[in-house]
N, C-alpha and C. Protein backbone atom coordinates (compact mmCIF):
# COMPACT_ATOMS: atom_id res chain seq x y z
N UNK A 1 0.87 -1.20 0.16
CA UNK A 1 -0.17 -0.27 -0.05
C UNK A 1 1.27 1.12 0.06
N UNK A 2 0.38 2.65 -0.82
CA UNK A 2 1.49 3.15 -0.40
C UNK A 2 0.00 4.30 -0.84
N UNK A 3 1.06 5.93 -0.82
CA UNK A 3 0.13 7.14 -0.94
C UNK A 3 1.65 8.07 -2.41
N UNK A 4 0.34 8.36 -3.08
CA UNK A 4 1.36 9.60 -3.71
C UNK A 4 0.99 10.27 -3.82
N UNK A 5 1.69 11.78 -3.68
CA UNK A 5 1.22 13.22 -3.82
C UNK A 5 2.02 13.77 -4.42
N UNK A 6 1.23 14.64 -5.53
CA UNK A 6 1.89 15.37 -6.36
C UNK A 6 1.75 16.87 -5.94
N UNK A 7 3.23 17.54 -6.54
CA UNK A 7 3.31 18.94 -6.82
C UNK A 7 2.43 19.69 -7.81
N UNK A 8 1.83 19.23 -8.40
CA UNK A 8 1.04 19.78 -9.77
C UNK A 8 0.06 18.94 -10.03
N UNK A 9 -0.90 19.73 -11.21
CA UNK A 9 -2.06 19.59 -11.42
C UNK A 9 -2.31 19.61 -12.82
N UNK A 10 -2.91 18.40 -13.59
CA UNK A 10 -2.57 18.21 -14.99
C UNK A 10 -4.16 18.51 -14.97
N UNK A 11 -4.62 18.08 -15.98
CA UNK A 11 -6.15 18.32 -16.24
C UNK A 11 -6.67 17.34 -17.90
N UNK A 12 -7.64 16.80 -17.81
CA UNK A 12 -8.56 16.41 -19.26
C UNK A 12 -9.54 17.25 -19.42
N UNK A 13 -10.23 17.00 -20.42
CA UNK A 13 -11.90 17.50 -20.94
C UNK A 13 -12.12 16.57 -22.56
N UNK A 14 -13.34 16.51 -22.64
CA UNK A 14 -13.84 16.13 -24.01
C UNK A 14 -14.84 17.03 -24.46
N UNK A 15 -14.63 17.17 -25.64
CA UNK A 15 -15.35 17.98 -26.42
C UNK A 15 -16.39 16.93 -27.52
N UNK A 16 -17.60 17.48 -27.57
CA UNK A 16 -18.65 16.36 -28.54
C UNK A 16 -17.99 17.98 -29.65
N UNK A 17 -18.23 16.72 -30.95
CA UNK A 17 -18.04 17.35 -32.34
C UNK A 17 -19.53 17.51 -32.66
N UNK A 18 -19.57 18.81 -33.48
CA UNK A 18 -20.64 19.53 -34.18
C UNK A 18 -21.07 18.72 -35.54
N UNK A 19 -22.63 18.38 -35.30
CA UNK A 19 -23.34 17.64 -36.39
C UNK A 19 -22.50 17.75 -37.93
N UNK A 20 -22.32 16.77 -38.28
CA UNK A 20 -22.35 17.16 -40.03
C UNK A 20 -20.36 16.89 -39.77
N UNK A 21 -19.59 17.15 -38.95
CA UNK A 21 -18.53 17.25 -38.87
C UNK A 21 -17.79 16.25 -39.80
N UNK A 22 -17.44 15.84 -40.70
CA UNK A 22 -16.81 14.48 -41.34
C UNK A 22 -15.35 14.66 -41.61
N UNK A 23 -14.90 15.53 -41.26
CA UNK A 23 -13.41 15.26 -41.68
C UNK A 23 -12.56 15.35 -40.39
N UNK A 24 -12.95 15.30 -39.33
CA UNK A 24 -12.10 15.37 -37.43
C UNK A 24 -12.76 16.09 -36.91
N UNK A 25 -11.77 16.72 -36.19
CA UNK A 25 -11.99 17.26 -34.94
C UNK A 25 -11.73 18.70 -34.84
N UNK A 26 -12.64 19.67 -34.59
CA UNK A 26 -11.67 21.05 -34.36
C UNK A 26 -11.76 21.44 -33.27
N UNK A 27 -10.99 21.91 -32.61
CA UNK A 27 -10.18 22.05 -31.52
C UNK A 27 -9.37 23.64 -31.59
N UNK A 28 -9.57 24.87 -30.57
CA UNK A 28 -8.85 25.88 -31.15
C UNK A 28 -9.03 26.38 -32.31
N UNK A 29 -9.91 26.20 -33.24
CA UNK A 29 -9.75 26.66 -34.57
C UNK A 29 -8.99 26.18 -35.47
N UNK A 30 -8.48 24.81 -34.81
CA UNK A 30 -7.28 24.09 -35.82
C UNK A 30 -8.17 22.49 -35.99
N UNK A 31 -8.56 22.30 -37.55
CA UNK A 31 -8.48 20.80 -37.84
C UNK A 31 -7.63 19.69 -37.46
N UNK A 32 -7.99 18.96 -37.01
CA UNK A 32 -7.17 17.70 -36.60
C UNK A 32 -7.77 16.42 -36.93
N UNK A 33 -7.07 15.40 -37.78
CA UNK A 33 -7.52 14.23 -37.87
C UNK A 33 -8.02 13.13 -37.10
N UNK A 34 -8.91 12.47 -37.30
CA UNK A 34 -9.46 11.20 -36.52
C UNK A 34 -7.83 10.53 -36.20
N UNK A 35 -7.80 9.99 -34.95
CA UNK A 35 -7.06 9.19 -34.44
C UNK A 35 -6.70 9.56 -33.27
N UNK A 36 -5.27 9.68 -33.03
CA UNK A 36 -4.54 10.06 -32.01
C UNK A 36 -3.69 10.96 -32.42
N UNK A 37 -3.93 11.84 -31.55
CA UNK A 37 -2.50 13.47 -31.93
C UNK A 37 -1.97 13.29 -30.59
N UNK A 38 -1.06 13.23 -31.01
CA UNK A 38 0.67 13.41 -29.98
C UNK A 38 0.96 14.34 -29.29
N UNK A 39 0.55 15.67 -30.00
CA UNK A 39 0.71 17.17 -29.15
C UNK A 39 0.13 18.07 -30.27
N UNK A 40 -0.94 18.69 -29.65
CA UNK A 40 -1.43 19.48 -30.13
C UNK A 40 -0.27 21.16 -30.23
N UNK A 41 -0.81 22.44 -30.50
CA UNK A 41 -0.39 23.56 -30.36
C UNK A 41 -0.40 24.04 -29.22
N UNK A 42 -1.04 23.48 -28.45
CA UNK A 42 -1.61 24.10 -27.23
C UNK A 42 -0.74 23.09 -25.58
N UNK A 43 0.26 21.94 -25.83
CA UNK A 43 0.88 21.19 -25.22
C UNK A 43 -0.78 20.24 -24.43
N UNK A 44 -1.28 19.56 -25.77
CA UNK A 44 -2.00 18.67 -25.15
C UNK A 44 -2.02 17.21 -26.03
N UNK A 45 -2.82 16.06 -25.21
CA UNK A 45 -2.77 15.03 -26.41
C UNK A 45 -3.85 14.63 -26.23
N UNK A 46 -4.47 14.26 -28.03
CA UNK A 46 -5.76 13.96 -28.20
C UNK A 46 -6.61 12.62 -28.55
N UNK A 47 -7.41 12.50 -28.95
CA UNK A 47 -7.98 11.41 -29.37
C UNK A 47 -9.10 12.14 -30.01
N UNK A 48 -9.13 11.87 -30.60
CA UNK A 48 -10.26 12.10 -31.76
C UNK A 48 -10.88 10.69 -32.36
N UNK A 49 -12.08 11.60 -32.68
CA UNK A 49 -12.72 10.26 -33.03
C UNK A 49 -14.17 11.10 -33.46
N UNK A 50 -15.33 10.60 -34.60
CA UNK A 50 -16.35 10.80 -35.48
C UNK A 50 -17.36 11.67 -34.13
N UNK A 51 -17.42 10.92 -32.94
CA UNK A 51 -18.52 11.67 -31.98
C UNK A 51 -17.79 12.79 -30.74
N UNK A 52 -16.80 12.55 -31.13
CA UNK A 52 -16.15 13.86 -29.74
C UNK A 52 -14.32 13.72 -30.11
N UNK A 53 -13.75 14.58 -29.41
CA UNK A 53 -12.69 14.84 -29.13
C UNK A 53 -12.26 14.87 -27.60
N UNK A 54 -11.28 13.45 -27.07
CA UNK A 54 -10.70 13.76 -25.55
C UNK A 54 -9.27 14.36 -25.92
N UNK A 55 -9.11 15.34 -24.85
CA UNK A 55 -7.88 15.72 -24.62
C UNK A 55 -7.17 15.66 -22.82
N UNK A 56 -6.02 15.49 -23.17
CA UNK A 56 -5.16 15.69 -21.33
C UNK A 56 -4.16 16.81 -21.48
N UNK A 57 -3.50 16.84 -20.72
CA UNK A 57 -2.31 18.53 -21.02
C UNK A 57 -1.14 17.46 -20.55
N UNK A 58 -0.30 18.24 -21.24
CA UNK A 58 0.97 17.29 -21.22
C UNK A 58 2.01 17.59 -20.52
N UNK A 59 1.73 18.06 -19.72
CA UNK A 59 2.15 19.10 -18.42
C UNK A 59 1.40 18.94 -17.21
N UNK A 60 2.38 19.46 -16.04
CA UNK A 60 1.67 19.76 -14.76
C UNK A 60 1.71 20.91 -14.36
N UNK A 61 0.78 21.65 -13.49
CA UNK A 61 0.61 23.13 -13.14
C UNK A 61 0.96 23.09 -11.91
N UNK A 62 1.92 23.77 -11.42
CA UNK A 62 2.36 23.82 -9.98
C UNK A 62 1.42 24.44 -9.25
N UNK A 63 1.40 23.70 -7.94
CA UNK A 63 0.75 24.21 -7.06
C UNK A 63 1.20 24.91 -5.61
N UNK A 64 0.70 24.85 -4.87
CA UNK A 64 1.36 24.51 -3.51
C UNK A 64 2.81 25.42 -3.33
N UNK A 65 2.80 26.43 -4.03
CA UNK A 65 4.65 26.99 -3.97
C UNK A 65 4.40 28.17 -3.24
N UNK A 66 5.43 29.27 -2.83
CA UNK A 66 5.57 30.03 -2.12
C UNK A 66 5.27 31.14 -3.65
N UNK A 67 4.23 31.97 -3.98
CA UNK A 67 3.70 32.17 -4.92
C UNK A 67 4.30 33.49 -4.93
N UNK A 68 4.72 34.23 -3.75
CA UNK A 68 5.48 35.73 -3.42
C UNK A 68 7.06 35.46 -4.09
N UNK A 69 7.57 34.38 -3.57
CA UNK A 69 8.93 34.49 -4.00
C UNK A 69 9.43 33.89 -5.08
N UNK A 70 8.73 32.75 -5.92
CA UNK A 70 8.47 32.14 -6.88
C UNK A 70 8.04 32.18 -8.29
N UNK A 71 8.12 31.95 -9.44
CA UNK A 71 7.91 31.93 -10.37
C UNK A 71 7.28 31.07 -11.32
N UNK A 72 6.68 30.45 -12.06
CA UNK A 72 6.26 29.58 -12.86
C UNK A 72 6.84 30.29 -14.36
N UNK A 73 7.75 29.58 -15.02
CA UNK A 73 8.11 29.61 -16.49
C UNK A 73 7.89 28.12 -17.51
N UNK A 74 6.94 28.89 -17.98
CA UNK A 74 6.79 27.27 -18.99
C UNK A 74 7.61 27.66 -20.46
N UNK A 75 7.99 26.52 -20.75
CA UNK A 75 8.85 26.70 -22.08
C UNK A 75 8.17 25.59 -23.35
N UNK A 76 7.31 25.91 -24.09
CA UNK A 76 6.68 24.85 -24.71
C UNK A 76 7.80 24.02 -25.12
N UNK A 77 8.88 24.27 -26.25
CA UNK A 77 9.89 24.39 -26.81
C UNK A 77 10.15 22.85 -25.95
N UNK A 78 10.60 22.86 -24.81
CA UNK A 78 11.28 22.23 -24.07
C UNK A 78 10.14 20.79 -23.52
N UNK A 79 9.29 20.91 -23.44
CA UNK A 79 8.18 20.14 -23.32
C UNK A 79 8.10 18.36 -24.19
């Protein structure tokens, strides 16, 4: 038995496709083909089907740190 504690927070979401969309899934104005999407422009990993697109962030958002003395720096190129 074990306990895992994270110092960050990731997220996932689903979006149902508009009726009649037959070429793929639209996310943030960009059309993605059906299937697995390894990385979007906004650093998400997604799965696109005829019904919906499911996405999860590829990074953890830091939580529980000293916000007065520290700052979060995110570099998309190093992800």
